[in-house]
Amino acid sequence: MIRPYILEETNWQAVKATTYDVAILAWGATEAHNYHMPYGTDNYQMNYVVQSAAQQAWDQGAKVIVLPAIHYGIQTGQLDIPFSMNILPSTQLQILKDICDVLLRSGCHKLVIVNGHGANHFRNIIRELSYHNPALFCCWLNWMEAVPLKEYFEKPGDHADEFETSCMLELRPDLVLPLQVAGDGATKKFKIQALKSGWVWGQRAWTQISKDTGSGNPASATAAKGKTFLAACSNHLGKFLVDLAKAEVNDMYE
């Protein structure tokens, strides 16, 4: 069945007849996720949430279009992990410049970047995009922050943890090895207090802080937790897309 809100599935006949209010770009990563989960974990999760949210928005009359996702992210702290597929922020900017040009030529003036990978940050990129494309409203979000993680998981970490493992057990259990295979996701902290506390930021050398590439213990993960959390995030994002579709780019403030 063709989903008209998925660009890769729809067709020229439908596109020609539709004025799209919001384009959605999911941006993930391909990287190691402890011993028990696939390299594409971030992508499976974000694509599910984006497509589910887009369906909800479309069903409520919002003309949204999901662009082909990007599965390469910033991995500069993991360059010594084989096939941790890195692209640089400057590359992200160039890709987004080209995408924004296509959107404006297509008559779409709103872009939502849905991020699925912790090292991807788009704030300064969006500032530059707005300089080059003032007619386009662009925003970004981390899909997993749509609702508080702590309300759904006992011990959320920040990589291949209980949260991500639960989501994958719900979405693609065929790609998740038994949890007995997983490492405990223990991580080392910075010695310097300012860096440890977080008010000073520095890139972590991932293989120096984690033996298994995880950060957070996945032992308490269940598919039921993942299902509930994914649904909550999808619903929250869907509501936002409806609101954004209704908004006028030149009348965004009150």
C-alpha atoms as a PDB file:
ATOM      1  CA  MET A   1       0.000   0.000   0.000  1.00  0.00           C
ATOM      2  CA  ILE A   2       1.375   3.388  -1.027  1.00  0.00           C
ATOM      3  CA  ARG A   3       1.818   5.813   1.838  1.00  0.00           C
ATOM      4  CA  PRO A   4       1.355   9.272   0.267  1.00  0.00           C
ATOM      5  CA  TYR A   5       3.378  10.992   2.997  1.00  0.00           C
ATOM      6  CA  ILE A   6       6.535   8.941   2.235  1.00  0.00           C
ATOM      7  CA  LEU A   7       8.408  10.469  -0.708  1.00  0.00           C
ATOM      8  CA  GLU A   8      10.128   7.197  -1.644  1.00  0.00           C
ATOM      9  CA  GLU A   9       6.751   5.469  -1.956  1.00  0.00           C
ATOM     10  CA  THR A  10       4.578   8.118  -3.548  1.00  0.00           C
ATOM     11  CA  ASN A  11       4.567   9.146  -7.215  1.00  0.00           C
ATOM     12  CA  TRP A  12       4.668  12.128  -9.523  1.00  0.00           C
ATOM     13  CA  GLN A  13       0.909  12.075 -10.061  1.00  0.00           C
ATOM     14  CA  ALA A  14       0.293  12.507  -6.310  1.00  0.00           C
ATOM     15  CA  VAL A  15       3.156  14.947  -5.766  1.00  0.00           C
ATOM     16  CA  LYS A  16       2.058  17.188  -8.628  1.00  0.00           C
ATOM     17  CA  ALA A  17      -1.416  17.447  -7.113  1.00  0.00           C
ATOM     18  CA  THR A  18      -0.282  18.219  -3.561  1.00  0.00           C
ATOM     19  CA  THR A  19       1.049  21.316  -1.846  1.00  0.00           C
ATOM     20  CA  TYR A  20       3.197  20.123   1.027  1.00  0.00           C
ATOM     21  CA  ASP A  21       3.351  22.194   4.204  1.00  0.00           C
ATOM     22  CA  VAL A  22       6.199  20.406   6.014  1.00  0.00           C
ATOM     23  CA  ALA A  23       9.121  18.267   4.904  1.00  0.00           C
ATOM     24  CA  ILE A  24      10.624  15.865   7.453  1.00  0.00           C
ATOM     25  CA  LEU A  25      14.199  14.641   7.302  1.00  0.00           C
ATOM     26  CA  ALA A  26      15.308  11.860   9.650  1.00  0.00           C
ATOM     27  CA  TRP A  27      19.051  11.966  10.319  1.00  0.00           C
ATOM     28  CA  GLY A  28      20.653   9.035  12.082  1.00  0.00           C
ATOM     29  CA  ALA A  29      23.938   7.154  12.200  1.00  0.00           C
ATOM     30  CA  THR A  30      25.543   3.796  11.563  1.00  0.00           C
ATOM     31  CA  GLU A  31      27.671   2.705  14.509  1.00  0.00           C
ATOM     32  CA  ALA A  32      28.346  -0.098  16.974  1.00  0.00           C
ATOM     33  CA  HIS A  33      25.677  -0.602  19.647  1.00  0.00           C
ATOM     34  CA  ASN A  34      27.222  -2.824  22.312  1.00  0.00           C
ATOM     35  CA  TYR A  35      27.567  -6.522  21.414  1.00  0.00           C
ATOM     36  CA  HIS A  36      23.867  -7.312  21.095  1.00  0.00           C
ATOM     37  CA  MET A  37      22.357  -4.733  18.725  1.00  0.00           C
ATOM     38  CA  PRO A  38      22.827  -3.816  15.060  1.00  0.00           C
ATOM     39  CA  TYR A  39      24.854  -0.937  13.689  1.00  0.00           C
ATOM     40  CA  GLY A  40      21.653   0.539  12.277  1.00  0.00           C
ATOM     41  CA  THR A  41      19.859   0.803  15.635  1.00  0.00           C
ATOM     42  CA  ASP A  42      19.493   4.600  15.501  1.00  0.00           C
ATOM     43  CA  ASN A  43      18.006   4.416  12.026  1.00  0.00           C
ATOM     44  CA  TYR A  44      15.411   1.743  12.755  1.00  0.00           C
ATOM     45  CA  GLN A  45      14.168   3.736  15.745  1.00  0.00           C
ATOM     46  CA  MET A  46      14.003   7.191  14.200  1.00  0.00           C
ATOM     47  CA  ASN A  47      12.462   5.971  10.939  1.00  0.00           C
ATOM     48  CA  TYR A  48       9.684   4.229  12.832  1.00  0.00           C
ATOM     49  CA  VAL A  49       8.905   7.290  14.939  1.00  0.00           C
ATOM     50  CA  VAL A  50       9.049   9.673  11.967  1.00  0.00           C
ATOM     51  CA  GLN A  51       6.833   7.536   9.769  1.00  0.00           C
ATOM     52  CA  SER A  52       4.334   6.885  12.547  1.00  0.00           C
ATOM     53  CA  ALA A  53       4.156  10.579  13.398  1.00  0.00           C
ATOM     54  CA  ALA A  54       3.804  11.543   9.746  1.00  0.00           C
ATOM     55  CA  GLN A  55       0.907   9.131   9.339  1.00  0.00           C
ATOM     56  CA  GLN A  56      -0.867  10.631  12.335  1.00  0.00           C
ATOM     57  CA  ALA A  57      -0.343  14.145  10.992  1.00  0.00           C
ATOM     58  CA  TRP A  58      -1.465  13.177   7.480  1.00  0.00           C
ATOM     59  CA  ASP A  59      -4.600  11.523   8.812  1.00  0.00           C
ATOM     60  CA  GLN A  60      -5.442  14.815  10.522  1.00  0.00           C
ATOM     61  CA  GLY A  61      -5.103  16.723   7.264  1.00  0.00           C
ATOM     62  CA  ALA A  62      -1.532  17.988   7.562  1.00  0.00           C
ATOM     63  CA  LYS A  63       0.294  17.827   4.244  1.00  0.00           C
ATOM     64  CA  VAL A  64       3.636  16.449   5.367  1.00  0.00           C
ATOM     65  CA  ILE A  65       6.242  14.610   3.332  1.00  0.00           C
ATOM     66  CA  VAL A  66       8.965  12.351   4.750  1.00  0.00           C
ATOM     67  CA  LEU A  67      12.199  12.715   2.785  1.00  0.00           C
ATOM     68  CA  PRO A  68      14.651   9.819   2.338  1.00  0.00           C
ATOM     69  CA  ALA A  69      16.539   9.447   5.604  1.00  0.00           C
ATOM     70  CA  ILE A  70      20.266   9.947   6.086  1.00  0.00           C
ATOM     71  CA  HIS A  71      21.971   7.088   7.909  1.00  0.00           C
ATOM     72  CA  TYR A  72      25.433   8.600   8.352  1.00  0.00           C
ATOM     73  CA  GLY A  73      26.228  10.710  11.413  1.00  0.00           C
ATOM     74  CA  ILE A  74      29.046  12.448  13.253  1.00  0.00           C
ATOM     75  CA  GLN A  75      31.365   9.783  14.692  1.00  0.00           C
ATOM     76  CA  THR A  76      34.536  11.745  15.382  1.00  0.00           C
ATOM     77  CA  GLY A  77      34.856  10.197  18.842  1.00  0.00           C
ATOM     78  CA  GLN A  78      34.594   6.676  17.418  1.00  0.00           C
ATOM     79  CA  LEU A  79      36.938   6.736  14.465  1.00  0.00           C
ATOM     80  CA  ASP A  80      38.879   3.732  15.796  1.00  0.00           C
ATOM     81  CA  ILE A  81      35.746   1.536  15.779  1.00  0.00           C
ATOM     82  CA  PRO A  82      35.575  -0.289  12.416  1.00  0.00           C
ATOM     83  CA  PHE A  83      32.786   0.878  10.112  1.00  0.00           C
ATOM     84  CA  SER A  84      31.523   3.548  12.447  1.00  0.00           C
ATOM     85  CA  MET A  85      30.420   5.647   9.493  1.00  0.00           C
ATOM     86  CA  ASN A  86      31.526   9.247  10.015  1.00  0.00           C
ATOM     87  CA  ILE A  87      30.585  12.400   8.187  1.00  0.00           C
ATOM     88  CA  LEU A  88      31.610  15.849   9.391  1.00  0.00           C
ATOM     89  CA  PRO A  89      29.364  18.768  10.416  1.00  0.00           C
ATOM     90  CA  SER A  90      30.591  20.677   7.387  1.00  0.00           C
ATOM     91  CA  THR A  91      29.351  17.811   5.216  1.00  0.00           C
ATOM     92  CA  GLN A  92      25.987  17.889   6.951  1.00  0.00           C
ATOM     93  CA  LEU A  93      25.725  21.581   6.176  1.00  0.00           C
ATOM     94  CA  GLN A  94      26.450  21.069   2.483  1.00  0.00           C
ATOM     95  CA  ILE A  95      23.892  18.265   2.226  1.00  0.00           C
ATOM     96  CA  LEU A  96      21.260  20.375   3.965  1.00  0.00           C
ATOM     97  CA  LYS A  97      21.963  23.373   1.731  1.00  0.00           C
ATOM     98  CA  ASP A  98      21.168  21.252  -1.302  1.00  0.00           C
ATOM     99  CA  ILE A  99      18.064  19.751   0.298  1.00  0.00           C
ATOM    100  CA  CYS A 100      16.767  23.188   1.289  1.00  0.00           C
ATOM    101  CA  ASP A 101      17.249  24.397  -2.272  1.00  0.00           C
ATOM    102  CA  VAL A 102      15.094  21.515  -3.531  1.00  0.00           C
ATOM    103  CA  LEU A 103      12.397  22.216  -0.947  1.00  0.00           C
ATOM    104  CA  LEU A 104      12.122  25.881  -1.853  1.00  0.00           C
ATOM    105  CA  ARG A 105      11.993  25.069  -5.564  1.00  0.00           C
ATOM    106  CA  SER A 106       9.220  22.607  -4.719  1.00  0.00           C
ATOM    107  CA  GLY A 107       7.199  25.210  -2.843  1.00  0.00           C
ATOM    108  CA  CYS A 108       7.774  23.766   0.641  1.00  0.00           C
ATOM    109  CA  HIS A 109       8.870  26.326   3.242  1.00  0.00           C
ATOM    110  CA  LYS A 110       9.179  24.265   6.434  1.00  0.00           C
ATOM    111  CA  LEU A 111      11.733  21.600   7.275  1.00  0.00           C
ATOM    112  CA  VAL A 112      11.891  19.476  10.416  1.00  0.00           C
ATOM    113  CA  ILE A 113      15.118  17.574  11.033  1.00  0.00           C
ATOM    114  CA  VAL A 114      14.431  14.614  13.316  1.00  0.00           C
ATOM    115  CA  ASN A 115      17.698  13.513  14.871  1.00  0.00           C
ATOM    116  CA  GLY A 116      18.343   9.953  15.975  1.00  0.00           C
ATOM    117  CA  HIS A 117      22.006  10.122  17.015  1.00  0.00           C
ATOM    118  CA  GLY A 118      23.474  11.867  20.035  1.00  0.00           C
ATOM    119  CA  ALA A 119      26.520  13.358  18.300  1.00  0.00           C
ATOM    120  CA  ASN A 120      24.466  15.117  15.625  1.00  0.00           C
ATOM    121  CA  HIS A 121      23.789  18.755  16.527  1.00  0.00           C
ATOM    122  CA  PHE A 122      22.079  21.091  14.073  1.00  0.00           C
ATOM    123  CA  ARG A 123      21.678  24.392  15.901  1.00  0.00           C
ATOM    124  CA  ASN A 124      24.528  26.289  14.260  1.00  0.00           C
ATOM    125  CA  ILE A 125      23.844  24.591  10.949  1.00  0.00           C
ATOM    126  CA  ILE A 126      20.277  25.896  11.075  1.00  0.00           C
ATOM    127  CA  ARG A 127      21.578  29.382  11.807  1.00  0.00           C
ATOM    128  CA  GLU A 128      23.627  29.230   8.621  1.00  0.00           C
ATOM    129  CA  LEU A 129      20.767  27.739   6.633  1.00  0.00           C
ATOM    130  CA  SER A 130      18.523  30.594   7.718  1.00  0.00           C
ATOM    131  CA  TYR A 131      21.162  33.044   6.480  1.00  0.00           C
ATOM    132  CA  HIS A 132      21.174  31.467   3.025  1.00  0.00           C
ATOM    133  CA  ASN A 133      17.446  30.590   2.905  1.00  0.00           C
ATOM    134  CA  PRO A 134      15.427  33.175   4.875  1.00  0.00           C
ATOM    135  CA  ALA A 135      12.201  31.967   3.247  1.00  0.00           C
ATOM    136  CA  LEU A 136      12.570  28.525   4.820  1.00  0.00           C
ATOM    137  CA  PHE A 137      11.725  27.765   8.444  1.00  0.00           C
ATOM    138  CA  CYS A 138      13.985  24.974   9.686  1.00  0.00           C
ATOM    139  CA  CYS A 139      13.980  23.336  13.105  1.00  0.00           C
ATOM    140  CA  TRP A 140      15.381  20.179  14.650  1.00  0.00           C
ATOM    141  CA  LEU A 141      14.655  17.821  17.512  1.00  0.00           C
ATOM    142  CA  ASN A 142      15.945  14.671  19.158  1.00  0.00           C
ATOM    143  CA  TRP A 143      13.016  12.290  18.830  1.00  0.00           C
ATOM    144  CA  MET A 144      13.871  10.449  22.069  1.00  0.00           C
ATOM    145  CA  GLU A 145      13.463  13.691  24.024  1.00  0.00           C
ATOM    146  CA  ALA A 146       9.821  14.103  23.044  1.00  0.00           C
ATOM    147  CA  VAL A 147       8.861  12.613  26.416  1.00  0.00           C
ATOM    148  CA  PRO A 148      11.000  12.088  29.555  1.00  0.00           C
ATOM    149  CA  LEU A 149      13.016   8.870  29.376  1.00  0.00           C
ATOM    150  CA  LYS A 150      12.950   8.460  33.137  1.00  0.00           C
ATOM    151  CA  GLU A 151       9.180   8.044  33.090  1.00  0.00           C
ATOM    152  CA  TYR A 152       9.502   4.909  30.951  1.00  0.00           C
ATOM    153  CA  PHE A 153      12.810   3.279  31.893  1.00  0.00           C
ATOM    154  CA  GLU A 154      14.469   2.311  35.154  1.00  0.00           C
ATOM    155  CA  LYS A 155      18.074   3.069  34.219  1.00  0.00           C
ATOM    156  CA  PRO A 156      18.329   4.978  30.930  1.00  0.00           C
ATOM    157  CA  GLY A 157      21.869   5.647  29.719  1.00  0.00           C
ATOM    158  CA  ASP A 158      22.872   7.297  26.479  1.00  0.00           C
ATOM    159  CA  HIS A 159      23.872   4.522  24.098  1.00  0.00           C
ATOM    160  CA  ALA A 160      22.753   0.898  23.584  1.00  0.00           C
ATOM    161  CA  ASP A 161      21.148   1.066  26.995  1.00  0.00           C
ATOM    162  CA  GLU A 162      17.818  -0.087  28.440  1.00  0.00           C
ATOM    163  CA  PHE A 163      15.958   2.504  26.333  1.00  0.00           C
ATOM    164  CA  GLU A 164      17.474   1.670  22.964  1.00  0.00           C
ATOM    165  CA  THR A 165      17.419  -2.063  23.601  1.00  0.00           C
ATOM    166  CA  SER A 166      13.743  -1.934  24.572  1.00  0.00           C
ATOM    167  CA  CYS A 167      12.902  -0.065  21.379  1.00  0.00           C
ATOM    168  CA  MET A 168      14.767  -2.569  19.234  1.00  0.00           C
ATOM    169  CA  LEU A 169      13.164  -5.506  21.032  1.00  0.00           C
ATOM    170  CA  GLU A 170       9.839  -4.020  19.949  1.00  0.00           C
ATOM    171  CA  LEU A 171      10.819  -3.000  16.410  1.00  0.00           C
ATOM    172  CA  ARG A 172      13.334  -5.611  15.249  1.00  0.00           C
ATOM    173  CA  PRO A 173      13.737  -8.419  17.788  1.00  0.00           C
ATOM    174  CA  ASP A 174      15.210 -10.544  15.003  1.00  0.00           C
ATOM    175  CA  LEU A 175      18.271  -8.272  15.013  1.00  0.00           C
ATOM    176  CA  VAL A 176      18.834  -8.268  18.783  1.00  0.00           C
ATOM    177  CA  LEU A 177      21.026 -10.962  20.291  1.00  0.00           C
ATOM    178  CA  PRO A 178      20.170 -12.430  23.729  1.00  0.00           C
ATOM    179  CA  LEU A 179      20.821  -9.910  26.481  1.00  0.00           C
ATOM    180  CA  GLN A 180      23.283 -12.341  28.047  1.00  0.00           C
ATOM    181  CA  VAL A 181      25.604 -11.434  25.162  1.00  0.00           C
ATOM    182  CA  ALA A 182      25.505  -7.712  25.935  1.00  0.00           C
ATOM    183  CA  GLY A 183      28.131  -5.893  27.926  1.00  0.00           C
ATOM    184  CA  ASP A 184      27.014  -3.971  30.991  1.00  0.00           C
ATOM    185  CA  GLY A 185      27.515  -0.586  29.325  1.00  0.00           C
ATOM    186  CA  ALA A 186      29.738   0.721  32.119  1.00  0.00           C
ATOM    187  CA  THR A 187      31.525   3.948  31.203  1.00  0.00           C
ATOM    188  CA  LYS A 188      34.427   5.934  32.614  1.00  0.00           C
ATOM    189  CA  LYS A 189      33.985   9.615  33.438  1.00  0.00           C
ATOM    190  CA  PHE A 190      36.312  12.561  32.927  1.00  0.00           C
ATOM    191  CA  LYS A 191      38.760  13.111  35.790  1.00  0.00           C
ATOM    192  CA  ILE A 192      38.386  16.891  35.627  1.00  0.00           C
ATOM    193  CA  GLN A 193      35.354  17.926  37.668  1.00  0.00           C
ATOM    194  CA  ALA A 194      34.127  20.632  35.290  1.00  0.00           C
ATOM    195  CA  LEU A 195      34.045  18.147  32.420  1.00  0.00           C
ATOM    196  CA  LYS A 196      32.538  15.441  34.624  1.00  0.00           C
ATOM    197  CA  SER A 197      29.734  17.705  35.817  1.00  0.00           C
ATOM    198  CA  GLY A 198      28.848  18.755  32.279  1.00  0.00           C
ATOM    199  CA  TRP A 199      29.191  22.509  32.417  1.00  0.00           C
ATOM    200  CA  VAL A 200      32.320  22.153  30.283  1.00  0.00           C
ATOM    201  CA  TRP A 201      31.914  19.960  27.223  1.00  0.00           C
ATOM    202  CA  GLY A 202      34.618  17.917  25.538  1.00  0.00           C
ATOM    203  CA  GLN A 203      34.388  15.068  23.075  1.00  0.00           C
ATOM    204  CA  ARG A 204      34.705  11.626  24.626  1.00  0.00           C
ATOM    205  CA  ALA A 205      37.136   9.102  23.141  1.00  0.00           C
ATOM    206  CA  TRP A 206      34.623   6.286  23.038  1.00  0.00           C
ATOM    207  CA  THR A 207      36.873   3.235  23.192  1.00  0.00           C
ATOM    208  CA  GLN A 208      38.634   4.754  26.197  1.00  0.00           C
ATOM    209  CA  ILE A 209      35.417   5.140  28.186  1.00  0.00           C
ATOM    210  CA  SER A 210      33.555   1.943  27.198  1.00  0.00           C
ATOM    211  CA  LYS A 211      34.694  -1.656  26.750  1.00  0.00           C
ATOM    212  CA  ASP A 212      31.597  -2.743  24.801  1.00  0.00           C
ATOM    213  CA  THR A 213      30.676   0.564  23.061  1.00  0.00           C
ATOM    214  CA  GLY A 214      27.597   0.821  25.276  1.00  0.00           C
ATOM    215  CA  SER A 215      26.749   3.521  27.795  1.00  0.00           C
ATOM    216  CA  GLY A 216      24.059   2.292  30.148  1.00  0.00           C
ATOM    217  CA  ASN A 217      23.075  -1.217  31.214  1.00  0.00           C
ATOM    218  CA  PRO A 218      20.535  -2.885  28.873  1.00  0.00           C
ATOM    219  CA  ALA A 219      19.673  -5.693  31.311  1.00  0.00           C
ATOM    220  CA  SER A 220      16.216  -4.334  32.236  1.00  0.00           C
ATOM    221  CA  ALA A 221      15.074  -3.832  28.640  1.00  0.00           C
ATOM    222  CA  THR A 222      11.732  -5.230  27.457  1.00  0.00           C
ATOM    223  CA  ALA A 223       9.734  -4.946  24.263  1.00  0.00           C
ATOM    224  CA  ALA A 224       6.739  -3.679  26.245  1.00  0.00           C
ATOM    225  CA  LYS A 225       8.718  -0.682  27.502  1.00  0.00           C
ATOM    226  CA  GLY A 226       9.898   0.052  23.978  1.00  0.00           C
ATOM    227  CA  LYS A 227       6.386  -0.132  22.547  1.00  0.00           C
ATOM    228  CA  THR A 228       4.992   2.307  25.106  1.00  0.00           C
ATOM    229  CA  PHE A 229       7.850   4.763  24.697  1.00  0.00           C
ATOM    230  CA  LEU A 230       7.836   4.700  20.892  1.00  0.00           C
ATOM    231  CA  ALA A 231       4.101   5.314  20.823  1.00  0.00           C
ATOM    232  CA  ALA A 232       4.407   8.270  23.204  1.00  0.00           C
ATOM    233  CA  CYS A 233       7.179   9.864  21.136  1.00  0.00           C
ATOM    234  CA  SER A 234       5.316   9.287  17.873  1.00  0.00           C
ATOM    235  CA  ASN A 235       2.158  10.874  19.253  1.00  0.00           C
ATOM    236  CA  HIS A 236       4.036  13.887  20.561  1.00  0.00           C
ATOM    237  CA  LEU A 237       5.844  14.417  17.277  1.00  0.00           C
ATOM    238  CA  GLY A 238       2.642  13.917  15.297  1.00  0.00           C
ATOM    239  CA  LYS A 239       0.918  16.708  17.227  1.00  0.00           C
ATOM    240  CA  PHE A 240       3.847  19.030  16.588  1.00  0.00           C
ATOM    241  CA  LEU A 241       3.730  18.329  12.851  1.00  0.00           C
ATOM    242  CA  VAL A 242       0.032  19.190  12.748  1.00  0.00           C
ATOM    243  CA  ASP A 243       0.679  22.481  14.546  1.00  0.00           C
ATOM    244  CA  LEU A 244       3.626  23.360  12.309  1.00  0.00           C
ATOM    245  CA  ALA A 245       1.689  22.544   9.147  1.00  0.00           C
ATOM    246  CA  LYS A 246      -0.999  25.059  10.170  1.00  0.00           C
ATOM    247  CA  ALA A 247       1.475  27.800  11.058  1.00  0.00           C
ATOM    248  CA  GLU A 248       2.440  30.640   8.740  1.00  0.00           C
ATOM    249  CA  VAL A 249       6.187  31.114   8.333  1.00  0.00           C
ATOM    250  CA  ASN A 250       5.785  34.919   8.569  1.00  0.00           C
ATOM    251  CA  ASP A 251       3.493  34.722  11.599  1.00  0.00           C
ATOM    252  CA  MET A 252       5.208  32.379  14.085  1.00  0.00           C
ATOM    253  CA  TYR A 253       5.144  34.509  17.243  1.00  0.00           C
ATOM    254  CA  GLU A 254       2.630  35.820  19.764  1.00  0.00           C
END
